[in-house]
Amino acid sequence: MVMTACASTPGSPDHRPDWIDQIPNNGAVGSSSYEIFGEARARKDAVMKAISSIAIQKSSTVNVDGTVSKVTSVNSQDGKETFREAAIVTVEANIQGRKIQVSAKIKEYWKDTRRRRIWVLMHEE
């Protein structure tokens, strides 16, 4: 009997980063599909979901209003795309009637080509 196995390796486009399932302390993860509206919109939506996760840690009810004004450099190598620059996103969150600013740094993006999703890891500033 001959058995074979396929495994994704770090650096391959199919390698799912650990931070998606094991969110680091002081971190948040967001994701969005790029199938309908494209990758730029998916990146913005993923960032807003991660920011909302950070804001909701401060209270049980949160309304987040804001936009990602600029996401700059994406590195593409061997089919894998990552983002590793220090970009900081600040939005205004309405938490139980109070407006506060929530700032977070984008640590990394990952493009899931199988499921057609963009993932983002952010850390609160």
N, C-alpha and C. Protein backbone atom coordinates (compact mmCIF):
# COMPACT_ATOMS: atom_id res chain seq x y z
N MET A 1 0.84 -1.16 0.00
CA MET A 1 0.00 0.00 0.00
C MET A 1 0.90 1.24 0.00
N VAL A 2 0.58 2.18 -0.86
CA VAL A 2 1.32 3.42 -0.95
C VAL A 2 0.40 4.54 -0.50
N MET A 3 0.89 5.39 0.41
CA MET A 3 0.09 6.51 0.89
C MET A 3 0.84 7.78 0.60
N THR A 4 0.10 8.77 0.17
CA THR A 4 0.70 10.07 -0.06
C THR A 4 -0.14 11.11 0.68
N ALA A 5 0.48 12.23 0.97
CA ALA A 5 -0.24 13.31 1.65
C ALA A 5 0.22 14.63 1.07
N CYS A 6 -0.69 15.55 1.03
CA CYS A 6 -0.37 16.90 0.59
C CYS A 6 -0.43 17.81 1.82
N ALA A 7 0.57 18.56 2.01
CA ALA A 7 0.59 19.49 3.14
C ALA A 7 0.99 20.85 2.63
N SER A 8 0.34 21.87 3.15
CA SER A 8 0.75 23.21 2.77
C SER A 8 1.92 23.61 3.66
N THR A 9 2.85 24.31 3.09
CA THR A 9 4.03 24.73 3.84
C THR A 9 3.99 26.23 4.04
N PRO A 10 4.63 26.73 5.09
CA PRO A 10 4.69 28.17 5.28
C PRO A 10 5.27 28.82 4.04
N GLY A 11 4.64 29.90 3.62
CA GLY A 11 5.10 30.60 2.43
C GLY A 11 4.34 30.19 1.19
N SER A 12 3.59 29.09 1.26
CA SER A 12 2.79 28.69 0.12
C SER A 12 1.45 29.42 0.17
N PRO A 13 0.80 29.60 -0.99
CA PRO A 13 -0.45 30.34 -0.98
C PRO A 13 -1.56 29.65 -0.17
N ASP A 14 -1.44 28.33 0.04
CA ASP A 14 -2.47 27.61 0.77
C ASP A 14 -2.20 27.53 2.26
N HIS A 15 -1.08 28.03 2.73
CA HIS A 15 -0.75 27.97 4.16
C HIS A 15 -1.55 29.02 4.92
N ARG A 16 -2.46 28.56 5.76
CA ARG A 16 -3.29 29.46 6.57
C ARG A 16 -2.49 29.92 7.78
N PRO A 17 -2.29 31.22 7.93
CA PRO A 17 -1.50 31.71 9.07
C PRO A 17 -2.13 31.34 10.41
N ASP A 18 -1.30 31.08 11.39
CA ASP A 18 -1.77 30.70 12.72
C ASP A 18 -2.64 31.78 13.36
N TRP A 19 -2.36 33.06 13.07
CA TRP A 19 -3.07 34.14 13.74
C TRP A 19 -4.56 34.18 13.38
N ILE A 20 -4.98 33.49 12.35
CA ILE A 20 -6.41 33.47 12.00
C ILE A 20 -7.19 32.69 13.05
N ASP A 21 -6.65 31.58 13.50
CA ASP A 21 -7.35 30.73 14.46
C ASP A 21 -6.92 30.97 15.90
N GLN A 22 -5.73 31.51 16.10
CA GLN A 22 -5.22 31.81 17.44
C GLN A 22 -4.84 33.28 17.49
N ILE A 23 -5.83 34.12 17.77
CA ILE A 23 -5.63 35.57 17.74
C ILE A 23 -4.69 35.98 18.86
N PRO A 24 -3.61 36.70 18.52
CA PRO A 24 -2.66 37.13 19.55
C PRO A 24 -3.30 38.11 20.54
N ASN A 25 -2.71 38.20 21.74
CA ASN A 25 -3.17 39.18 22.72
C ASN A 25 -3.12 40.56 22.09
N ASN A 26 -4.08 41.39 22.46
CA ASN A 26 -4.17 42.75 21.96
C ASN A 26 -4.39 42.80 20.45
N GLY A 27 -4.88 41.71 19.89
CA GLY A 27 -5.08 41.65 18.45
C GLY A 27 -6.52 41.41 18.07
N ALA A 28 -6.80 41.59 16.79
CA ALA A 28 -8.12 41.32 16.24
C ALA A 28 -7.94 40.88 14.79
N VAL A 29 -8.85 40.04 14.35
CA VAL A 29 -8.81 39.52 12.99
C VAL A 29 -10.12 39.84 12.30
N GLY A 30 -10.03 40.25 11.04
CA GLY A 30 -11.21 40.48 10.23
C GLY A 30 -11.02 39.81 8.88
N SER A 31 -12.12 39.48 8.22
CA SER A 31 -12.03 38.89 6.89
C SER A 31 -13.22 39.33 6.06
N SER A 32 -13.04 39.24 4.73
CA SER A 32 -14.11 39.60 3.82
C SER A 32 -13.85 38.93 2.48
N SER A 33 -14.92 38.59 1.80
CA SER A 33 -14.82 37.97 0.48
C SER A 33 -14.49 39.03 -0.57
N TYR A 34 -13.65 38.67 -1.52
CA TYR A 34 -13.34 39.59 -2.62
C TYR A 34 -13.99 39.15 -3.92
N GLU A 35 -14.89 38.18 -3.84
CA GLU A 35 -15.49 37.60 -5.03
C GLU A 35 -16.38 38.58 -5.80
N ILE A 36 -17.16 39.38 -5.12
CA ILE A 36 -18.12 40.26 -5.79
C ILE A 36 -17.56 41.67 -6.02
N PHE A 37 -17.04 42.29 -4.97
CA PHE A 37 -16.63 43.69 -5.06
C PHE A 37 -15.14 43.90 -5.26
N GLY A 38 -14.35 42.84 -5.30
CA GLY A 38 -12.92 42.98 -5.55
C GLY A 38 -12.09 43.07 -4.28
N GLU A 39 -10.78 43.03 -4.49
CA GLU A 39 -9.85 42.96 -3.36
C GLU A 39 -9.75 44.25 -2.56
N ALA A 40 -9.79 45.39 -3.23
CA ALA A 40 -9.67 46.66 -2.49
C ALA A 40 -10.81 46.81 -1.50
N ARG A 41 -12.02 46.53 -1.92
CA ARG A 41 -13.18 46.62 -1.03
C ARG A 41 -13.09 45.58 0.08
N ALA A 42 -12.64 44.36 -0.27
CA ALA A 42 -12.51 43.31 0.74
C ALA A 42 -11.50 43.69 1.81
N ARG A 43 -10.39 44.33 1.42
CA ARG A 43 -9.39 44.78 2.40
C ARG A 43 -10.00 45.80 3.37
N LYS A 44 -10.74 46.76 2.82
CA LYS A 44 -11.37 47.76 3.67
C LYS A 44 -12.39 47.13 4.61
N ASP A 45 -13.21 46.23 4.08
CA ASP A 45 -14.21 45.57 4.91
C ASP A 45 -13.57 44.72 6.00
N ALA A 46 -12.51 44.01 5.67
CA ALA A 46 -11.81 43.18 6.66
C ALA A 46 -11.23 44.05 7.78
N VAL A 47 -10.66 45.20 7.41
CA VAL A 47 -10.11 46.12 8.41
C VAL A 47 -11.22 46.64 9.32
N MET A 48 -12.36 47.01 8.74
CA MET A 48 -13.46 47.52 9.57
C MET A 48 -13.99 46.44 10.51
N LYS A 49 -14.01 45.19 10.08
CA LYS A 49 -14.45 44.10 10.96
C LYS A 49 -13.46 43.90 12.11
N ALA A 50 -12.17 44.00 11.82
CA ALA A 50 -11.17 43.86 12.88
C ALA A 50 -11.27 45.03 13.87
N ILE A 51 -11.44 46.24 13.35
CA ILE A 51 -11.59 47.42 14.22
C ILE A 51 -12.84 47.26 15.09
N SER A 52 -13.92 46.76 14.51
CA SER A 52 -15.15 46.53 15.29
C SER A 52 -14.91 45.53 16.41
N SER A 53 -14.11 44.51 16.13
CA SER A 53 -13.77 43.52 17.16
C SER A 53 -13.01 44.16 18.31
N ILE A 54 -12.09 45.06 17.98
CA ILE A 54 -11.34 45.76 19.02
C ILE A 54 -12.27 46.65 19.84
N ALA A 55 -13.14 47.38 19.15
CA ALA A 55 -14.06 48.28 19.85
C ALA A 55 -15.03 47.52 20.74
N ILE A 56 -15.51 46.38 20.27
CA ILE A 56 -16.50 45.62 21.05
C ILE A 56 -15.89 45.05 22.33
N GLN A 57 -14.58 44.94 22.40
CA GLN A 57 -13.94 44.49 23.62
C GLN A 57 -14.09 45.52 24.74
N LYS A 58 -14.41 46.75 24.37
CA LYS A 58 -14.58 47.82 25.35
C LYS A 58 -16.01 47.91 25.87
N SER A 59 -16.96 47.31 25.14
CA SER A 59 -18.36 47.36 25.52
C SER A 59 -19.13 46.30 24.74
N SER A 60 -20.34 46.02 25.16
CA SER A 60 -21.11 45.00 24.46
C SER A 60 -21.86 45.55 23.25
N THR A 61 -22.05 46.87 23.17
CA THR A 61 -22.75 47.48 22.04
C THR A 61 -21.88 48.57 21.43
N VAL A 62 -21.60 48.43 20.14
CA VAL A 62 -20.71 49.37 19.49
C VAL A 62 -21.22 49.67 18.09
N ASN A 63 -21.19 50.94 17.73
CA ASN A 63 -21.40 51.35 16.34
C ASN A 63 -20.10 51.99 15.86
N VAL A 64 -19.54 51.45 14.79
CA VAL A 64 -18.28 51.96 14.27
C VAL A 64 -18.54 52.65 12.95
N ASP A 65 -18.03 53.87 12.83
CA ASP A 65 -18.17 54.62 11.59
C ASP A 65 -16.80 55.14 11.20
N GLY A 66 -16.38 54.79 10.02
CA GLY A 66 -15.10 55.26 9.56
C GLY A 66 -14.72 54.59 8.27
N THR A 67 -13.63 55.02 7.72
CA THR A 67 -13.15 54.42 6.48
C THR A 67 -11.65 54.20 6.60
N VAL A 68 -11.16 53.32 5.79
CA VAL A 68 -9.72 53.12 5.68
C VAL A 68 -9.27 54.02 4.55
N SER A 69 -8.50 55.03 4.88
CA SER A 69 -8.16 56.00 3.85
C SER A 69 -7.06 55.53 2.92
N LYS A 70 -6.15 54.72 3.42
CA LYS A 70 -5.06 54.29 2.56
C LYS A 70 -4.45 53.00 3.06
N VAL A 71 -4.43 52.02 2.21
CA VAL A 71 -3.70 50.78 2.46
C VAL A 71 -2.68 50.71 1.34
N THR A 72 -1.43 50.73 1.65
CA THR A 72 -0.41 50.95 0.63
C THR A 72 0.17 49.70 0.02
N SER A 73 1.20 49.17 0.54
CA SER A 73 2.03 48.18 -0.15
C SER A 73 1.64 46.75 0.12
N VAL A 74 1.54 45.98 -0.95
CA VAL A 74 1.27 44.55 -0.84
C VAL A 74 2.42 43.81 -1.51
N ASN A 75 2.97 42.82 -0.83
CA ASN A 75 4.06 42.02 -1.37
C ASN A 75 3.48 40.74 -1.96
N SER A 76 3.77 40.47 -3.20
CA SER A 76 3.31 39.25 -3.85
C SER A 76 4.52 38.43 -4.26
N GLN A 77 4.58 37.21 -3.75
CA GLN A 77 5.71 36.34 -4.05
C GLN A 77 5.23 34.91 -4.11
N ASP A 78 5.46 34.27 -5.22
CA ASP A 78 5.07 32.86 -5.42
C ASP A 78 3.59 32.62 -5.13
N GLY A 79 2.74 33.54 -5.55
CA GLY A 79 1.31 33.38 -5.36
C GLY A 79 0.80 33.75 -3.99
N LYS A 80 1.68 34.13 -3.07
CA LYS A 80 1.28 34.50 -1.72
C LYS A 80 1.35 36.02 -1.59
N GLU A 81 0.31 36.62 -1.08
CA GLU A 81 0.30 38.06 -0.88
C GLU A 81 0.28 38.36 0.61
N THR A 82 1.17 39.25 1.03
CA THR A 82 1.17 39.67 2.42
C THR A 82 1.37 41.18 2.49
N PHE A 83 0.96 41.76 3.59
CA PHE A 83 1.12 43.18 3.85
C PHE A 83 1.84 43.30 5.17
N ARG A 84 2.96 43.99 5.17
CA ARG A 84 3.74 44.04 6.40
C ARG A 84 4.25 45.44 6.74
N GLU A 85 3.58 46.47 6.28
CA GLU A 85 4.00 47.82 6.65
C GLU A 85 3.23 48.28 7.87
N ALA A 86 3.73 49.33 8.48
CA ALA A 86 3.05 49.88 9.66
C ALA A 86 2.01 50.88 9.20
N ALA A 87 0.80 50.44 9.04
CA ALA A 87 -0.31 51.32 8.69
C ALA A 87 -1.23 51.38 9.90
N ILE A 88 -1.62 52.57 10.27
CA ILE A 88 -2.49 52.75 11.43
C ILE A 88 -3.84 53.27 10.95
N VAL A 89 -4.89 52.65 11.42
CA VAL A 89 -6.25 53.03 11.06
C VAL A 89 -6.93 53.56 12.31
N THR A 90 -7.57 54.72 12.20
CA THR A 90 -8.30 55.30 13.32
C THR A 90 -9.74 55.54 12.88
N VAL A 91 -10.66 55.09 13.69
CA VAL A 91 -12.08 55.31 13.41
C VAL A 91 -12.75 55.84 14.67
N GLU A 92 -13.95 56.38 14.50
CA GLU A 92 -14.72 56.84 15.64
C GLU A 92 -15.77 55.79 15.95
N ALA A 93 -15.81 55.36 17.18
CA ALA A 93 -16.77 54.35 17.61
C ALA A 93 -17.74 54.98 18.60
N ASN A 94 -19.01 54.63 18.47
CA ASN A 94 -20.03 55.09 19.39
C ASN A 94 -20.29 53.95 20.37
N ILE A 95 -19.80 54.10 21.58
CA ILE A 95 -19.92 53.06 22.59
C ILE A 95 -20.85 53.57 23.69
N GLN A 96 -22.04 52.99 23.76
CA GLN A 96 -23.05 53.36 24.74
C GLN A 96 -23.24 54.87 24.82
N GLY A 97 -23.39 55.49 23.65
CA GLY A 97 -23.65 56.92 23.59
C GLY A 97 -22.42 57.81 23.63
N ARG A 98 -21.27 57.25 23.90
CA ARG A 98 -20.02 58.04 23.92
C ARG A 98 -19.25 57.78 22.65
N LYS A 99 -18.68 58.82 22.09
CA LYS A 99 -17.85 58.66 20.90
C LYS A 99 -16.39 58.62 21.32
N ILE A 100 -15.73 57.56 20.93
CA ILE A 100 -14.31 57.43 21.23
C ILE A 100 -13.58 57.04 19.96
N GLN A 101 -12.30 57.32 19.92
CA GLN A 101 -11.49 56.90 18.79
C GLN A 101 -10.86 55.56 19.08
N VAL A 102 -10.86 54.70 18.08
CA VAL A 102 -10.21 53.41 18.18
C VAL A 102 -9.11 53.39 17.12
N SER A 103 -7.88 53.15 17.56
CA SER A 103 -6.75 53.10 16.63
C SER A 103 -6.13 51.71 16.68
N ALA A 104 -5.79 51.23 15.50
CA ALA A 104 -5.16 49.92 15.41
C ALA A 104 -4.15 49.92 14.27
N LYS A 105 -3.14 49.10 14.45
CA LYS A 105 -2.09 48.98 13.44
C LYS A 105 -2.32 47.70 12.64
N ILE A 106 -2.26 47.82 11.33
CA ILE A 106 -2.36 46.65 10.47
C ILE A 106 -1.03 45.92 10.53
N LYS A 107 -1.09 44.67 10.97
CA LYS A 107 0.13 43.87 11.08
C LYS A 107 0.36 43.02 9.85
N GLU A 108 -0.72 42.42 9.34
CA GLU A 108 -0.52 41.51 8.22
C GLU A 108 -1.85 41.24 7.50
N TYR A 109 -1.76 41.07 6.20
CA TYR A 109 -2.88 40.61 5.38
C TYR A 109 -2.54 39.22 4.87
N TRP A 110 -3.59 38.42 4.61
CA TRP A 110 -3.39 37.15 3.92
C TRP A 110 -4.55 36.94 2.96
N LYS A 111 -4.22 36.57 1.75
CA LYS A 111 -5.22 36.33 0.72
C LYS A 111 -5.44 34.84 0.59
N ASP A 112 -6.65 34.39 0.90
CA ASP A 112 -7.03 32.99 0.81
C ASP A 112 -7.59 32.77 -0.60
N THR A 113 -6.77 32.26 -1.49
CA THR A 113 -7.18 32.10 -2.88
C THR A 113 -8.18 30.96 -3.06
N ARG A 114 -8.18 30.01 -2.17
CA ARG A 114 -9.16 28.92 -2.25
C ARG A 114 -10.57 29.39 -1.92
N ARG A 115 -10.69 30.12 -0.84
CA ARG A 115 -12.01 30.57 -0.39
C ARG A 115 -12.32 31.99 -0.84
N ARG A 116 -11.39 32.60 -1.53
CA ARG A 116 -11.55 33.95 -2.10
C ARG A 116 -11.90 34.97 -1.00
N ARG A 117 -11.06 34.96 0.07
CA ARG A 117 -11.23 35.88 1.19
C ARG A 117 -9.92 36.59 1.47
N ILE A 118 -10.04 37.80 1.98
CA ILE A 118 -8.90 38.56 2.48
C ILE A 118 -9.01 38.55 4.00
N TRP A 119 -7.89 38.26 4.66
CA TRP A 119 -7.82 38.25 6.13
C TRP A 119 -6.85 39.34 6.56
N VAL A 120 -7.13 39.97 7.68
CA VAL A 120 -6.25 41.00 8.23
C VAL A 120 -6.05 40.77 9.72
N LEU A 121 -4.81 40.95 10.17
CA LEU A 121 -4.47 40.93 11.59
C LEU A 121 -4.14 42.35 12.00
N MET A 122 -4.79 42.82 13.07
CA MET A 122 -4.55 44.17 13.57
C MET A 122 -4.27 44.12 15.06
N HIS A 123 -3.51 45.11 15.55
CA HIS A 123 -3.23 45.26 16.98
C HIS A 123 -3.67 46.66 17.40
N GLU A 124 -4.32 46.72 18.55
CA GLU A 124 -4.77 48.02 19.07
C GLU A 124 -3.56 48.88 19.43
N GLU A 125 -3.65 50.13 19.09
CA GLU A 125 -2.58 51.09 19.40
C GLU A 125 -2.83 51.74 20.74
